[in-house]
Amino acid sequence: MEKQSMNDLINKAKSNTQQKTIQKIVPISEKEIEEIQFSFYLERELLKKLKMKAATEETSMKQIVNDAIKAFLTT
């Protein structure tokens, strides 16, 4: 690329008056309960039912599993 055309590109970029997007910085919230990742296998049909229940109750599968384990351990 010629030096002149490079200078033209630089000047064109500098003269651009478009508004710049400003990124909003949000502090990371601390979780009240310490969590750890855990993986296991589920029967295919159980997973389908879990997904359907989460969708109909408008909650997460994680919340349903956590609630079920807590209920099981308190009985």
N, C-alpha and C. Protein backbone atom coordinates (compact mmCIF):
# COMPACT_ATOMS: atom_id res chain seq x y z
N MET A 1 0.86 -1.17 0.00
CA MET A 1 0.00 0.00 0.00
C MET A 1 0.90 1.23 0.00
N GLU A 2 0.52 2.20 -0.78
CA GLU A 2 1.32 3.41 -0.87
C GLU A 2 1.21 4.21 0.42
N LYS A 3 2.27 4.97 0.71
CA LYS A 3 2.30 5.77 1.94
C LYS A 3 1.19 6.82 1.93
N GLN A 4 0.94 7.41 0.77
CA GLN A 4 -0.08 8.44 0.67
C GLN A 4 -1.47 7.87 0.97
N SER A 5 -1.78 6.70 0.41
CA SER A 5 -3.11 6.13 0.63
C SER A 5 -3.26 5.67 2.08
N MET A 6 -2.16 5.25 2.71
CA MET A 6 -2.20 4.88 4.13
C MET A 6 -2.51 6.11 4.97
N ASN A 7 -1.88 7.23 4.67
CA ASN A 7 -2.15 8.48 5.38
C ASN A 7 -3.59 8.93 5.17
N ASP A 8 -4.10 8.75 3.96
CA ASP A 8 -5.50 9.10 3.70
C ASP A 8 -6.44 8.26 4.56
N LEU A 9 -6.15 6.96 4.69
CA LEU A 9 -6.98 6.09 5.52
C LEU A 9 -6.93 6.51 6.99
N ILE A 10 -5.75 6.85 7.47
CA ILE A 10 -5.59 7.29 8.86
C ILE A 10 -6.36 8.57 9.09
N ASN A 11 -6.25 9.52 8.20
CA ASN A 11 -6.97 10.79 8.33
C ASN A 11 -8.48 10.58 8.26
N LYS A 12 -8.92 9.66 7.41
CA LYS A 12 -10.35 9.37 7.30
C LYS A 12 -10.86 8.77 8.61
N ALA A 13 -10.08 7.88 9.21
CA ALA A 13 -10.48 7.26 10.48
C ALA A 13 -10.52 8.30 11.59
N LYS A 14 -9.57 9.19 11.62
CA LYS A 14 -9.52 10.23 12.65
C LYS A 14 -10.69 11.19 12.53
N SER A 15 -11.13 11.46 11.30
CA SER A 15 -12.19 12.44 11.09
C SER A 15 -13.58 11.84 11.25
N ASN A 16 -13.67 10.57 11.49
CA ASN A 16 -14.97 9.91 11.66
C ASN A 16 -15.64 10.45 12.92
N THR A 17 -16.87 10.95 12.76
CA THR A 17 -17.57 11.57 13.88
C THR A 17 -18.69 10.70 14.44
N GLN A 18 -18.67 9.41 14.13
CA GLN A 18 -19.69 8.51 14.69
C GLN A 18 -19.55 8.45 16.20
N GLN A 19 -20.70 8.34 16.87
CA GLN A 19 -20.66 8.22 18.32
C GLN A 19 -20.11 6.84 18.68
N LYS A 20 -19.23 6.83 19.64
CA LYS A 20 -18.65 5.57 20.10
C LYS A 20 -19.56 4.95 21.14
N THR A 21 -19.62 3.63 21.13
CA THR A 21 -20.41 2.91 22.11
C THR A 21 -19.63 2.86 23.42
N ILE A 22 -20.30 3.21 24.49
CA ILE A 22 -19.65 3.19 25.80
C ILE A 22 -20.11 1.94 26.53
N GLN A 23 -19.13 1.17 26.99
CA GLN A 23 -19.43 -0.08 27.69
C GLN A 23 -19.76 0.21 29.14
N LYS A 24 -20.86 -0.38 29.60
CA LYS A 24 -21.27 -0.21 30.98
C LYS A 24 -20.55 -1.26 31.83
N ILE A 25 -19.95 -0.83 32.92
CA ILE A 25 -19.22 -1.73 33.80
C ILE A 25 -20.07 -1.96 35.04
N VAL A 26 -20.36 -3.24 35.30
CA VAL A 26 -21.20 -3.62 36.42
C VAL A 26 -20.39 -4.53 37.34
N PRO A 27 -20.37 -4.25 38.64
CA PRO A 27 -19.59 -5.11 39.54
C PRO A 27 -20.18 -6.52 39.60
N ILE A 28 -19.32 -7.49 39.81
CA ILE A 28 -19.75 -8.88 39.92
C ILE A 28 -20.39 -9.07 41.29
N SER A 29 -21.58 -9.64 41.27
CA SER A 29 -22.27 -9.87 42.55
C SER A 29 -21.75 -11.15 43.19
N GLU A 30 -21.62 -11.10 44.49
CA GLU A 30 -21.16 -12.26 45.25
C GLU A 30 -22.33 -13.20 45.47
N LYS A 31 -22.10 -14.49 45.29
CA LYS A 31 -23.14 -15.48 45.53
C LYS A 31 -23.21 -15.78 47.02
N GLU A 32 -24.44 -15.91 47.51
CA GLU A 32 -24.63 -16.19 48.91
C GLU A 32 -24.22 -17.62 49.26
N ILE A 33 -24.43 -18.53 48.32
CA ILE A 33 -24.13 -19.94 48.56
C ILE A 33 -22.98 -20.34 47.63
N GLU A 34 -21.97 -20.98 48.21
CA GLU A 34 -20.86 -21.45 47.40
C GLU A 34 -21.33 -22.63 46.56
N GLU A 35 -21.00 -22.61 45.28
CA GLU A 35 -21.41 -23.66 44.37
C GLU A 35 -20.20 -24.35 43.79
N ILE A 36 -20.38 -25.59 43.40
CA ILE A 36 -19.32 -26.36 42.75
C ILE A 36 -19.95 -27.14 41.61
N GLN A 37 -19.22 -27.28 40.52
CA GLN A 37 -19.74 -27.99 39.36
C GLN A 37 -19.68 -29.50 39.62
N PHE A 38 -20.75 -30.20 39.22
CA PHE A 38 -20.84 -31.64 39.40
C PHE A 38 -21.54 -32.21 38.18
N SER A 39 -20.97 -33.26 37.60
CA SER A 39 -21.55 -33.86 36.40
C SER A 39 -21.94 -35.30 36.66
N PHE A 40 -23.05 -35.71 36.07
CA PHE A 40 -23.48 -37.10 36.18
C PHE A 40 -24.39 -37.41 35.00
N TYR A 41 -24.69 -38.68 34.81
CA TYR A 41 -25.53 -39.12 33.71
C TYR A 41 -26.95 -39.34 34.19
N LEU A 42 -27.92 -38.95 33.34
CA LEU A 42 -29.34 -39.16 33.61
C LEU A 42 -29.93 -40.01 32.50
N GLU A 43 -31.01 -40.71 32.83
CA GLU A 43 -31.75 -41.41 31.80
C GLU A 43 -32.33 -40.37 30.85
N ARG A 44 -32.35 -40.70 29.57
CA ARG A 44 -32.81 -39.76 28.55
C ARG A 44 -34.22 -39.24 28.86
N GLU A 45 -35.13 -40.13 29.23
CA GLU A 45 -36.52 -39.73 29.51
C GLU A 45 -36.61 -38.83 30.74
N LEU A 46 -35.78 -39.10 31.76
CA LEU A 46 -35.77 -38.23 32.95
C LEU A 46 -35.33 -36.82 32.58
N LEU A 47 -34.33 -36.71 31.73
CA LEU A 47 -33.84 -35.39 31.31
C LEU A 47 -34.93 -34.65 30.53
N LYS A 48 -35.63 -35.36 29.65
CA LYS A 48 -36.72 -34.72 28.90
C LYS A 48 -37.80 -34.19 29.84
N LYS A 49 -38.17 -35.02 30.84
CA LYS A 49 -39.20 -34.60 31.80
C LYS A 49 -38.72 -33.42 32.65
N LEU A 50 -37.44 -33.45 33.02
CA LEU A 50 -36.87 -32.35 33.80
C LEU A 50 -36.91 -31.05 33.01
N LYS A 51 -36.55 -31.11 31.74
CA LYS A 51 -36.58 -29.91 30.88
C LYS A 51 -38.00 -29.38 30.74
N MET A 52 -38.96 -30.29 30.55
CA MET A 52 -40.35 -29.88 30.40
C MET A 52 -40.87 -29.23 31.69
N LYS A 53 -40.54 -29.82 32.84
CA LYS A 53 -40.99 -29.26 34.12
C LYS A 53 -40.38 -27.88 34.34
N ALA A 54 -39.10 -27.73 34.02
CA ALA A 54 -38.45 -26.44 34.18
C ALA A 54 -39.10 -25.39 33.28
N ALA A 55 -39.44 -25.78 32.08
CA ALA A 55 -40.07 -24.83 31.15
C ALA A 55 -41.46 -24.45 31.62
N THR A 56 -42.25 -25.43 32.07
CA THR A 56 -43.62 -25.12 32.48
C THR A 56 -43.66 -24.31 33.78
N GLU A 57 -42.69 -24.55 34.66
CA GLU A 57 -42.64 -23.80 35.93
C GLU A 57 -41.82 -22.52 35.82
N GLU A 58 -41.27 -22.27 34.63
CA GLU A 58 -40.45 -21.10 34.37
C GLU A 58 -39.34 -20.95 35.41
N THR A 59 -38.61 -22.04 35.61
CA THR A 59 -37.46 -22.07 36.50
C THR A 59 -36.34 -22.83 35.82
N SER A 60 -35.22 -22.96 36.49
CA SER A 60 -34.09 -23.66 35.87
C SER A 60 -34.06 -25.12 36.31
N MET A 61 -33.44 -25.94 35.48
CA MET A 61 -33.27 -27.35 35.83
C MET A 61 -32.39 -27.45 37.08
N LYS A 62 -31.42 -26.58 37.18
CA LYS A 62 -30.54 -26.57 38.35
C LYS A 62 -31.34 -26.36 39.63
N GLN A 63 -32.27 -25.43 39.60
CA GLN A 63 -33.08 -25.14 40.79
C GLN A 63 -33.94 -26.33 41.16
N ILE A 64 -34.52 -26.99 40.18
CA ILE A 64 -35.36 -28.17 40.45
C ILE A 64 -34.53 -29.28 41.07
N VAL A 65 -33.34 -29.53 40.50
CA VAL A 65 -32.47 -30.59 41.03
C VAL A 65 -32.02 -30.24 42.44
N ASN A 66 -31.61 -29.01 42.68
CA ASN A 66 -31.20 -28.60 44.03
C ASN A 66 -32.33 -28.77 45.03
N ASP A 67 -33.53 -28.33 44.66
CA ASP A 67 -34.68 -28.46 45.57
C ASP A 67 -34.99 -29.93 45.86
N ALA A 68 -34.90 -30.78 44.83
CA ALA A 68 -35.19 -32.20 45.01
C ALA A 68 -34.17 -32.86 45.93
N ILE A 69 -32.91 -32.53 45.76
CA ILE A 69 -31.86 -33.10 46.62
C ILE A 69 -32.03 -32.63 48.06
N LYS A 70 -32.33 -31.34 48.25
CA LYS A 70 -32.54 -30.82 49.61
C LYS A 70 -33.72 -31.52 50.27
N ALA A 71 -34.82 -31.70 49.52
CA ALA A 71 -36.00 -32.37 50.06
C ALA A 71 -35.67 -33.82 50.42
N PHE A 72 -34.90 -34.48 49.59
CA PHE A 72 -34.52 -35.87 49.84
C PHE A 72 -33.66 -35.98 51.09
N LEU A 73 -32.74 -35.07 51.26
CA LEU A 73 -31.81 -35.13 52.39
C LEU A 73 -32.44 -34.73 53.71
N THR A 74 -33.53 -33.98 53.69
CA THR A 74 -34.18 -33.57 54.93
C THR A 74 -35.22 -34.58 55.40
N THR A 75 -35.51 -35.59 54.62
CA THR A 75 -36.51 -36.59 55.03
C THR A 75 -35.85 -37.78 55.68
